[in-house]
Amino acid sequence: MNDVSPSPLLRIVLRADSFATSAAGTVTLIAVLYGLVLTDTVAGIVAAVVLFAAWVAVGLTGRRHERRGRGAELP
């Protein structure tokens, strides 16, 4: 077993994943995405796409980390 703690960047990503997978985090992200799309500007839609891509990337990273059996490292 590898007892090396995750890097600072991975810790931030895992905390973001923890927030995004909570009920409050999901509702918040959906509301922000919806608000950005409703601005009806190219910048708002691009920002929504970038935020959604980041949300998916953080979720995939968190799931991969959990599958490797390291989900209990962070408090």
N, C-alpha and C. Protein backbone atom coordinates (compact mmCIF):
# COMPACT_ATOMS: atom_id res chain seq x y z
N MET A 1 0.85 -1.19 0.00
CA MET A 1 0.00 0.00 0.00
C MET A 1 0.89 1.24 0.00
N ASN A 2 0.53 2.19 -0.76
CA ASN A 2 1.27 3.43 -0.87
C ASN A 2 0.70 4.44 0.13
N ASP A 3 1.52 4.86 1.09
CA ASP A 3 1.06 5.77 2.15
C ASP A 3 1.35 7.23 1.84
N VAL A 4 1.69 7.54 0.61
CA VAL A 4 1.99 8.92 0.23
C VAL A 4 0.68 9.70 0.15
N SER A 5 0.66 10.88 0.78
CA SER A 5 -0.56 11.68 0.75
C SER A 5 -0.72 12.32 -0.63
N PRO A 6 -1.96 12.64 -1.00
CA PRO A 6 -2.19 13.25 -2.31
C PRO A 6 -1.54 14.63 -2.42
N SER A 7 -1.25 15.01 -3.63
CA SER A 7 -0.64 16.32 -3.87
C SER A 7 -1.65 17.42 -3.51
N PRO A 8 -1.16 18.64 -3.29
CA PRO A 8 -2.07 19.74 -2.96
C PRO A 8 -3.15 19.97 -4.04
N LEU A 9 -2.77 19.84 -5.30
CA LEU A 9 -3.75 20.02 -6.38
C LEU A 9 -4.82 18.94 -6.33
N LEU A 10 -4.41 17.70 -6.08
CA LEU A 10 -5.38 16.61 -5.99
C LEU A 10 -6.30 16.81 -4.79
N ARG A 11 -5.78 17.32 -3.70
CA ARG A 11 -6.62 17.60 -2.52
C ARG A 11 -7.70 18.63 -2.88
N ILE A 12 -7.32 19.67 -3.63
CA ILE A 12 -8.30 20.69 -4.04
C ILE A 12 -9.35 20.07 -4.94
N VAL A 13 -8.92 19.25 -5.88
CA VAL A 13 -9.86 18.60 -6.80
C VAL A 13 -10.81 17.68 -6.03
N LEU A 14 -10.29 16.94 -5.06
CA LEU A 14 -11.14 16.04 -4.29
C LEU A 14 -12.12 16.80 -3.40
N ARG A 15 -11.71 17.94 -2.88
CA ARG A 15 -12.65 18.76 -2.10
C ARG A 15 -13.74 19.34 -3.01
N ALA A 16 -13.35 19.74 -4.22
CA ALA A 16 -14.34 20.23 -5.18
C ALA A 16 -15.31 19.11 -5.55
N ASP A 17 -14.79 17.90 -5.70
CA ASP A 17 -15.65 16.76 -6.02
C ASP A 17 -16.61 16.48 -4.86
N SER A 18 -16.11 16.59 -3.66
CA SER A 18 -16.96 16.38 -2.49
C SER A 18 -18.11 17.39 -2.46
N PHE A 19 -17.79 18.64 -2.77
CA PHE A 19 -18.84 19.67 -2.82
C PHE A 19 -19.81 19.40 -3.97
N ALA A 20 -19.28 19.08 -5.13
CA ALA A 20 -20.12 18.91 -6.32
C ALA A 20 -21.05 17.71 -6.20
N THR A 21 -20.66 16.70 -5.45
CA THR A 21 -21.51 15.52 -5.33
C THR A 21 -22.50 15.63 -4.17
N SER A 22 -22.37 16.67 -3.37
CA SER A 22 -23.36 16.86 -2.30
C SER A 22 -24.63 17.46 -2.91
N ALA A 23 -25.73 17.35 -2.20
CA ALA A 23 -27.00 17.86 -2.71
C ALA A 23 -26.93 19.37 -2.92
N ALA A 24 -26.39 20.08 -1.94
CA ALA A 24 -26.30 21.54 -2.06
C ALA A 24 -25.36 21.95 -3.19
N GLY A 25 -24.28 21.22 -3.35
CA GLY A 25 -23.33 21.54 -4.42
C GLY A 25 -23.92 21.32 -5.80
N THR A 26 -24.65 20.22 -5.96
CA THR A 26 -25.28 19.94 -7.24
C THR A 26 -26.32 21.00 -7.60
N VAL A 27 -27.14 21.36 -6.63
CA VAL A 27 -28.16 22.39 -6.87
C VAL A 27 -27.50 23.72 -7.21
N THR A 28 -26.44 24.06 -6.49
CA THR A 28 -25.72 25.31 -6.75
C THR A 28 -25.13 25.33 -8.15
N LEU A 29 -24.45 24.26 -8.52
CA LEU A 29 -23.84 24.21 -9.85
C LEU A 29 -24.88 24.26 -10.96
N ILE A 30 -25.99 23.56 -10.79
CA ILE A 30 -27.04 23.60 -11.80
C ILE A 30 -27.62 25.00 -11.91
N ALA A 31 -27.84 25.67 -10.78
CA ALA A 31 -28.37 27.03 -10.80
C ALA A 31 -27.41 27.99 -11.49
N VAL A 32 -26.12 27.84 -11.21
CA VAL A 32 -25.12 28.71 -11.85
C VAL A 32 -25.06 28.44 -13.35
N LEU A 33 -25.06 27.18 -13.74
CA LEU A 33 -25.06 26.84 -15.17
C LEU A 33 -26.29 27.40 -15.87
N TYR A 34 -27.44 27.23 -15.25
CA TYR A 34 -28.69 27.74 -15.81
C TYR A 34 -28.63 29.26 -15.95
N GLY A 35 -28.13 29.93 -14.92
CA GLY A 35 -28.01 31.38 -14.96
C GLY A 35 -27.07 31.86 -16.05
N LEU A 36 -25.96 31.14 -16.22
CA LEU A 36 -25.01 31.53 -17.27
C LEU A 36 -25.62 31.36 -18.66
N VAL A 37 -26.36 30.28 -18.86
CA VAL A 37 -26.99 30.06 -20.17
C VAL A 37 -28.07 31.10 -20.42
N LEU A 38 -28.79 31.49 -19.38
CA LEU A 38 -29.86 32.47 -19.54
C LEU A 38 -29.36 33.89 -19.81
N THR A 39 -28.07 34.12 -19.65
CA THR A 39 -27.54 35.45 -19.99
C THR A 39 -27.67 35.70 -21.49
N ASP A 40 -27.79 34.62 -22.25
CA ASP A 40 -27.98 34.68 -23.70
C ASP A 40 -26.84 35.44 -24.39
N THR A 41 -25.65 35.30 -23.84
CA THR A 41 -24.47 35.87 -24.48
C THR A 41 -23.50 34.73 -24.79
N VAL A 42 -22.63 34.99 -25.72
CA VAL A 42 -21.63 33.98 -26.07
C VAL A 42 -20.72 33.72 -24.88
N ALA A 43 -20.35 34.76 -24.17
CA ALA A 43 -19.47 34.60 -23.01
C ALA A 43 -20.14 33.77 -21.92
N GLY A 44 -21.43 33.98 -21.70
CA GLY A 44 -22.16 33.20 -20.70
C GLY A 44 -22.24 31.74 -21.06
N ILE A 45 -22.49 31.46 -22.32
CA ILE A 45 -22.59 30.07 -22.77
C ILE A 45 -21.22 29.40 -22.72
N VAL A 46 -20.19 30.11 -23.13
CA VAL A 46 -18.83 29.56 -23.07
C VAL A 46 -18.45 29.29 -21.61
N ALA A 47 -18.78 30.21 -20.72
CA ALA A 47 -18.48 30.01 -19.30
C ALA A 47 -19.23 28.80 -18.76
N ALA A 48 -20.48 28.61 -19.17
CA ALA A 48 -21.26 27.46 -18.73
C ALA A 48 -20.64 26.16 -19.24
N VAL A 49 -20.19 26.16 -20.48
CA VAL A 49 -19.56 24.96 -21.05
C VAL A 49 -18.27 24.64 -20.31
N VAL A 50 -17.47 25.66 -20.04
CA VAL A 50 -16.21 25.46 -19.31
C VAL A 50 -16.48 24.95 -17.90
N LEU A 51 -17.46 25.54 -17.22
CA LEU A 51 -17.81 25.10 -15.86
C LEU A 51 -18.32 23.67 -15.88
N PHE A 52 -19.15 23.33 -16.85
CA PHE A 52 -19.66 21.96 -16.94
C PHE A 52 -18.52 20.98 -17.21
N ALA A 53 -17.60 21.32 -18.09
CA ALA A 53 -16.46 20.45 -18.38
C ALA A 53 -15.59 20.26 -17.13
N ALA A 54 -15.40 21.33 -16.37
CA ALA A 54 -14.63 21.22 -15.13
C ALA A 54 -15.36 20.33 -14.13
N TRP A 55 -16.68 20.46 -14.05
CA TRP A 55 -17.49 19.65 -13.14
C TRP A 55 -17.34 18.16 -13.49
N VAL A 56 -17.40 17.84 -14.77
CA VAL A 56 -17.25 16.46 -15.21
C VAL A 56 -15.84 15.95 -14.92
N ALA A 57 -14.83 16.76 -15.19
CA ALA A 57 -13.45 16.36 -14.96
C ALA A 57 -13.18 16.10 -13.48
N VAL A 58 -13.70 16.98 -12.63
CA VAL A 58 -13.53 16.81 -11.19
C VAL A 58 -14.24 15.53 -10.73
N GLY A 59 -15.42 15.28 -11.25
CA GLY A 59 -16.15 14.07 -10.89
C GLY A 59 -15.44 12.81 -11.32
N LEU A 60 -14.89 12.81 -12.52
CA LEU A 60 -14.15 11.65 -13.00
C LEU A 60 -12.89 11.41 -12.17
N THR A 61 -12.21 12.48 -11.82
CA THR A 61 -11.01 12.36 -10.99
C THR A 61 -11.37 11.80 -9.62
N GLY A 62 -12.44 12.31 -9.03
CA GLY A 62 -12.87 11.81 -7.73
C GLY A 62 -13.27 10.36 -7.77
N ARG A 63 -13.98 9.97 -8.81
CA ARG A 63 -14.40 8.57 -8.94
C ARG A 63 -13.19 7.66 -9.14
N ARG A 64 -12.23 8.08 -9.94
CA ARG A 64 -11.02 7.28 -10.16
C ARG A 64 -10.25 7.11 -8.85
N HIS A 65 -10.15 8.20 -8.11
CA HIS A 65 -9.44 8.15 -6.83
C HIS A 65 -10.15 7.21 -5.86
N GLU A 66 -11.48 7.26 -5.87
CA GLU A 66 -12.27 6.39 -4.99
C GLU A 66 -12.13 4.93 -5.38
N ARG A 67 -12.10 4.65 -6.68
CA ARG A 67 -11.97 3.27 -7.16
C ARG A 67 -10.64 2.67 -6.78
N ARG A 68 -9.63 3.50 -6.69
CA ARG A 68 -8.31 3.01 -6.31
C ARG A 68 -8.20 2.74 -4.81
N GLY A 69 -9.27 2.98 -4.08
CA GLY A 69 -9.28 2.66 -2.67
C GLY A 69 -8.66 3.71 -1.79
N ARG A 70 -8.63 4.95 -2.27
CA ARG A 70 -7.99 6.02 -1.51
C ARG A 70 -8.99 7.06 -1.07
N GLY A 71 -10.25 6.68 -1.00
CA GLY A 71 -11.29 7.66 -0.69
C GLY A 71 -11.29 8.14 0.75
N ALA A 72 -10.61 7.44 1.65
CA ALA A 72 -10.65 7.80 3.07
C ALA A 72 -9.48 8.66 3.50
N GLU A 73 -8.68 9.17 2.56
CA GLU A 73 -7.49 9.93 2.95
C GLU A 73 -7.81 11.33 3.44
N LEU A 74 -8.86 11.94 2.90
CA LEU A 74 -9.15 13.31 3.27
C LEU A 74 -10.20 13.34 4.38
N PRO A 75 -10.06 14.30 5.29
CA PRO A 75 -11.04 14.39 6.39
C PRO A 75 -12.39 14.86 5.92
